[in-house]
């Protein structure tokens, strides 16, 4: 492999690793400090964002949570719990600052009682209307992590994101659903200066590789005659000369 190709491969690997390392939590709620009465607005425990519960008419409490889908290092604590028939079609709304971030992902842990909310519909606001992202069906027996890809909603990249989770399907006044470790993740967008620096380094590497190749091409190639004495294929023949004396 030529020097320039090796340099390109090296820079591509470095750029890929750098972008992978930029994945980060944009905003997350672990509800571990949740107390009753549950406030109408909860600030993100990690990152920057707000979670509004203003749409609910009661039915909010805290129950035992989980570490499923938790941000690294966060232990199990409390979980946000929604209970009762009157909360069907009610929604929680989250607003997240996505400046400098793209490739967004939404996830949370959830479980429910047998008569609890069977559907948690996640929607995204595009500036004019709510668009369905996907519905989450929580287990009645254990905590499970659920994730939805938001990367196709590029209008939310590098600006702001508004999501809502609508609760429906409860069949009794005691039916409930618990959610925990709700989070939005994304990739940090590299600063333009970093991209320029990488490009410049790659260009310099190519130029160095080209000069090296040119120098090697112009360098005279050694031959056998320069390193090893020439050998006669046949021995030299010594011819006897006859000497004739002329009479005086």
Protein backbone atom coordinates (compact mmCIF):
# COMPACT_ATOMS: atom_id res chain seq x y z
CA UNK A 1 0.00 0.00 0.00
CA UNK A 2 1.36 3.44 -0.94
CA UNK A 3 2.14 6.05 1.70
CA UNK A 4 -0.79 8.24 0.60
CA UNK A 5 -3.28 5.36 0.84
CA UNK A 6 -1.99 4.44 4.28
CA UNK A 7 -2.39 8.04 5.38
CA UNK A 8 -5.95 8.21 4.06
CA UNK A 9 -6.83 4.98 5.87
CA UNK A 10 -5.34 6.32 9.09
CA UNK A 11 -7.22 9.64 8.89
CA UNK A 12 -10.52 7.89 8.05
CA UNK A 13 -10.13 5.69 11.11
CA UNK A 14 -9.34 8.66 13.33
CA UNK A 15 -12.37 10.61 12.04
CA UNK A 16 -14.67 7.63 12.56
CA UNK A 17 -13.44 7.14 16.13
CA UNK A 18 -13.80 10.84 16.87
CA UNK A 19 -17.39 10.94 15.64
CA UNK A 20 -18.27 7.76 17.56
CA UNK A 21 -16.81 9.22 20.73
CA UNK A 22 -19.03 12.31 20.36
CA UNK A 23 -22.26 10.37 21.11
CA UNK A 24 -23.75 11.91 24.26
CA UNK A 25 -26.81 12.32 26.49
CA UNK A 26 -28.70 15.43 25.39
CA UNK A 27 -31.28 15.31 28.21
CA UNK A 28 -32.36 12.64 30.70
CA UNK A 29 -34.80 12.25 33.59
CA UNK A 30 -34.26 9.54 36.22
CA UNK A 31 -37.08 10.68 38.59
CA UNK A 32 -35.02 9.55 41.60
CA UNK A 33 -35.73 12.80 43.46
CA UNK A 34 -39.45 12.77 42.61
CA UNK A 35 -41.69 13.74 45.55
CA UNK A 36 -45.43 14.10 45.94
CA UNK A 37 -47.32 16.13 45.04
CA UNK A 38 -45.61 15.73 41.69
CA UNK A 39 -44.76 19.16 40.23
CA UNK A 40 -46.05 20.23 36.83
CA UNK A 41 -42.53 20.81 35.49
CA UNK A 42 -39.45 18.62 35.93
CA UNK A 43 -35.99 19.83 34.90
CA UNK A 44 -33.68 17.25 33.29
CA UNK A 45 -31.34 15.46 35.68
CA UNK A 46 -28.70 15.22 32.93
CA UNK A 47 -28.28 17.62 30.03
CA UNK A 48 -30.73 20.43 29.30
CA UNK A 49 -34.47 20.07 28.96
CA UNK A 50 -37.86 20.40 30.64
CA UNK A 51 -40.69 17.87 31.11
CA UNK A 52 -44.22 19.24 31.47
CA UNK A 53 -47.02 17.32 33.23
CA UNK A 54 -49.53 20.16 33.02
CA UNK A 55 -51.91 18.11 30.87
CA UNK A 56 -52.67 15.63 33.67
CA UNK A 57 -55.60 16.12 36.02
CA UNK A 58 -54.14 14.33 39.03
CA UNK A 59 -53.23 10.65 38.93
CA UNK A 60 -49.48 11.33 39.28
CA UNK A 61 -47.30 9.70 41.92
CA UNK A 62 -43.90 8.05 42.46
CA UNK A 63 -43.32 4.32 42.81
CA UNK A 64 -40.20 2.13 42.84
CA UNK A 65 -38.14 2.57 39.70
CA UNK A 66 -35.33 0.76 37.91
CA UNK A 67 -31.82 1.19 36.51
CA UNK A 68 -32.93 -0.14 33.10
CA UNK A 69 -31.95 2.43 30.43
CA UNK A 70 -30.32 4.62 33.07
CA UNK A 71 -27.49 6.98 32.30
CA UNK A 72 -24.19 5.41 33.33
CA UNK A 73 -23.69 5.60 37.08
CA UNK A 74 -27.34 6.36 37.92
CA UNK A 75 -28.87 3.91 40.40
CA UNK A 76 -32.46 2.71 40.63
CA UNK A 77 -34.71 5.04 42.62
CA UNK A 78 -38.19 6.34 41.95
CA UNK A 79 -40.31 6.21 38.78
CA UNK A 80 -43.00 8.54 37.45
CA UNK A 81 -46.36 6.79 37.75
CA UNK A 82 -49.63 7.66 35.97
CA UNK A 83 -52.83 6.10 37.35
CA UNK A 84 -56.53 6.05 36.50
CA UNK A 85 -59.11 6.08 33.71
CA UNK A 86 -59.30 9.87 33.79
CA UNK A 87 -55.71 10.08 32.53
CA UNK A 88 -56.45 8.29 29.24
CA UNK A 89 -55.33 10.50 26.27
CA UNK A 90 -53.30 12.76 28.61
CA UNK A 91 -49.70 13.52 27.61
CA UNK A 92 -46.39 14.52 29.08
CA UNK A 93 -44.40 16.95 26.93
CA UNK A 94 -40.62 17.34 26.83
CA UNK A 95 -38.60 20.16 25.32
CA UNK A 96 -34.92 19.62 24.66
CA UNK A 97 -32.19 21.97 23.50
CA UNK A 98 -30.44 20.26 20.58
CA UNK A 99 -27.99 23.01 19.64
CA UNK A 100 -24.86 21.34 18.22
CA UNK A 101 -26.48 17.89 18.16
CA UNK A 102 -27.96 15.61 15.48
CA UNK A 103 -28.85 11.92 14.95
CA UNK A 104 -31.29 12.03 17.86
CA UNK A 105 -32.64 8.97 19.69
CA UNK A 106 -35.46 8.71 22.26
CA UNK A 107 -35.65 5.97 24.87
CA UNK A 108 -37.16 5.10 28.24
CA UNK A 109 -37.91 2.21 30.60
CA UNK A 110 -41.56 1.30 31.18
CA UNK A 111 -43.89 -1.24 32.78
CA UNK A 112 -47.59 -1.29 33.70
CA UNK A 113 -50.24 -3.07 35.70
CA UNK A 114 -52.60 -5.51 33.97
CA UNK A 115 -55.30 -2.84 33.70
CA UNK A 116 -52.85 -0.02 33.09
CA UNK A 117 -52.08 2.05 30.01
CA UNK A 118 -51.46 -0.40 27.16
CA UNK A 119 -50.19 2.23 24.72
CA UNK A 120 -47.72 5.07 25.13
CA UNK A 121 -47.78 6.98 21.85
CA UNK A 122 -44.66 9.06 21.16
CA UNK A 123 -45.06 12.06 18.84
CA UNK A 124 -42.78 14.84 17.62
CA UNK A 125 -43.77 18.45 16.93
CA UNK A 126 -42.65 19.67 13.49
CA UNK A 127 -43.61 23.28 14.08
CA UNK A 128 -47.15 22.89 12.74
CA UNK A 129 -48.53 19.56 13.96
CA UNK A 130 -47.74 16.42 15.93
CA UNK A 131 -46.28 13.54 13.94
CA UNK A 132 -46.40 9.96 15.23
CA UNK A 133 -42.99 8.43 15.90
CA UNK A 134 -44.14 5.12 17.37
CA UNK A 135 -46.18 3.45 20.11
CA UNK A 136 -44.69 1.73 23.15
CA UNK A 137 -46.47 -1.23 24.72
CA UNK A 138 -45.20 -1.72 28.26
CA UNK A 139 -44.82 -5.15 29.83
CA UNK A 140 -47.06 -6.15 32.75
CA UNK A 141 -44.37 -8.32 34.35
CA UNK A 142 -41.03 -6.51 34.14
CA UNK A 143 -39.20 -3.32 33.28
CA UNK A 144 -38.15 -3.07 29.65
CA UNK A 145 -36.22 -0.49 27.66
CA UNK A 146 -37.89 1.02 24.59
CA UNK A 147 -36.15 3.21 22.01
CA UNK A 148 -37.26 5.16 18.95
CA UNK A 149 -35.07 6.60 16.20
CA UNK A 150 -35.53 10.33 15.62
CA UNK A 151 -32.69 10.77 13.12
CA UNK A 152 -35.06 11.22 10.16
CA UNK A 153 -36.67 14.27 11.82
CA UNK A 154 -33.84 16.56 10.80
CA UNK A 155 -35.88 19.68 11.65
CA UNK A 156 -35.06 18.87 15.29
CA UNK A 157 -31.30 18.72 14.69
CA UNK A 158 -29.10 21.54 15.91
CA UNK A 159 -31.98 23.54 17.40
CA UNK A 160 -34.81 22.27 19.56
CA UNK A 161 -36.86 19.11 19.97
CA UNK A 162 -40.40 18.81 21.34
CA UNK A 163 -41.83 15.37 22.06
CA UNK A 164 -44.95 14.16 23.79
CA UNK A 165 -45.92 10.79 25.23
CA UNK A 166 -49.67 10.14 25.25
CA UNK A 167 -51.13 7.58 27.68
CA UNK A 168 -54.11 5.46 26.64
CA UNK A 169 -55.67 2.05 27.18
CA UNK A 170 -56.17 2.01 30.98
CA UNK A 171 -59.24 -0.08 31.88
CA UNK A 172 -59.64 0.58 35.60
CA UNK A 173 -59.31 3.40 38.09
CA UNK A 174 -56.28 1.66 39.64
CA UNK A 175 -54.60 0.81 36.33
CA UNK A 176 -51.21 2.47 36.03
CA UNK A 177 -48.05 2.78 33.98
CA UNK A 178 -44.61 3.61 35.31
CA UNK A 179 -41.89 5.26 33.25
CA UNK A 180 -38.28 5.75 34.24
CA UNK A 181 -34.93 6.87 32.82
CA UNK A 182 -36.49 8.82 30.00
CA UNK A 183 -33.75 10.22 27.80
CA UNK A 184 -32.79 11.82 24.49
CA UNK A 185 -29.36 10.99 23.08
CA UNK A 186 -27.55 12.36 20.05
CA UNK A 187 -24.23 12.94 18.33
CA UNK A 188 -22.33 16.15 18.89
CA UNK A 189 -21.68 17.95 15.63
CA UNK A 190 -17.89 18.46 15.20
CA UNK A 191 -16.83 22.10 15.11
CA UNK A 192 -16.00 23.35 11.58
CA UNK A 193 -12.43 24.08 12.69
CA UNK A 194 -11.91 20.43 13.66
CA UNK A 195 -13.10 19.22 10.26
CA UNK A 196 -10.85 21.73 8.48
CA UNK A 197 -7.88 20.64 10.59
CA UNK A 198 -8.47 16.98 9.75
CA UNK A 199 -8.82 17.81 6.06
CA UNK A 200 -5.62 19.86 6.10
CA UNK A 201 -3.74 17.09 7.83
CA UNK A 202 -4.99 14.56 5.29
CA UNK A 203 -3.97 16.84 2.39
CA UNK A 204 -0.51 17.35 3.89
CA UNK A 205 -0.15 13.61 4.32
CA UNK A 206 -1.04 13.02 0.67
CA UNK A 207 1.49 15.62 -0.46
CA UNK A 208 4.20 14.06 1.67
CA UNK A 209 3.33 10.64 0.32
CA UNK A 210 3.43 11.93 -3.24
CA UNK A 211 6.81 13.59 -2.77
CA UNK A 212 8.18 10.41 -1.23
CA UNK A 213 6.97 8.34 -4.16
CA UNK A 214 8.38 10.84 -6.66
CA UNK A 215 11.75 10.85 -4.91
CA UNK A 216 11.91 7.09 -4.93
CA UNK A 217 10.96 7.03 -8.61
CA UNK A 218 13.69 9.53 -9.53
CA UNK A 219 16.41 7.79 -7.52
CA UNK A 220 18.71 5.82 -9.91
CA UNK A 221 18.34 2.11 -9.52
CA UNK A 222 21.49 0.18 -8.68
CA UNK A 223 22.68 -2.41 -11.17
CA UNK A 224 24.79 -5.47 -10.81
CA UNK A 225 27.74 -3.74 -12.50
CA UNK A 226 27.80 -1.10 -9.70
CA UNK A 227 27.97 -3.60 -6.91
CA UNK A 228 29.67 -6.66 -8.36
CA UNK A 229 32.80 -6.72 -10.56
CA UNK A 230 32.13 -7.89 -14.10
CA UNK A 231 33.28 -11.42 -14.78
CA UNK A 232 34.56 -12.58 -18.14
CA UNK A 233 32.61 -15.40 -19.54
CA UNK A 234 35.69 -16.71 -21.24
CA UNK A 235 39.33 -16.58 -20.00
CA UNK A 236 41.65 -14.27 -21.82
CA UNK A 237 43.74 -16.04 -24.45
CA UNK A 238 47.42 -15.46 -24.41
CA UNK A 239 48.93 -15.74 -27.88
CA UNK A 240 52.56 -16.60 -28.29
CA UNK A 241 54.44 -14.34 -30.57
CA UNK A 242 57.21 -15.69 -32.77
CA UNK A 243 60.41 -13.69 -32.80
CA UNK A 244 62.30 -13.99 -36.11
CA UNK A 245 65.90 -12.88 -36.25
CA UNK A 246 67.02 -11.39 -39.53
CA UNK A 247 70.52 -12.29 -40.68
CA UNK A 248 73.14 -9.57 -40.53
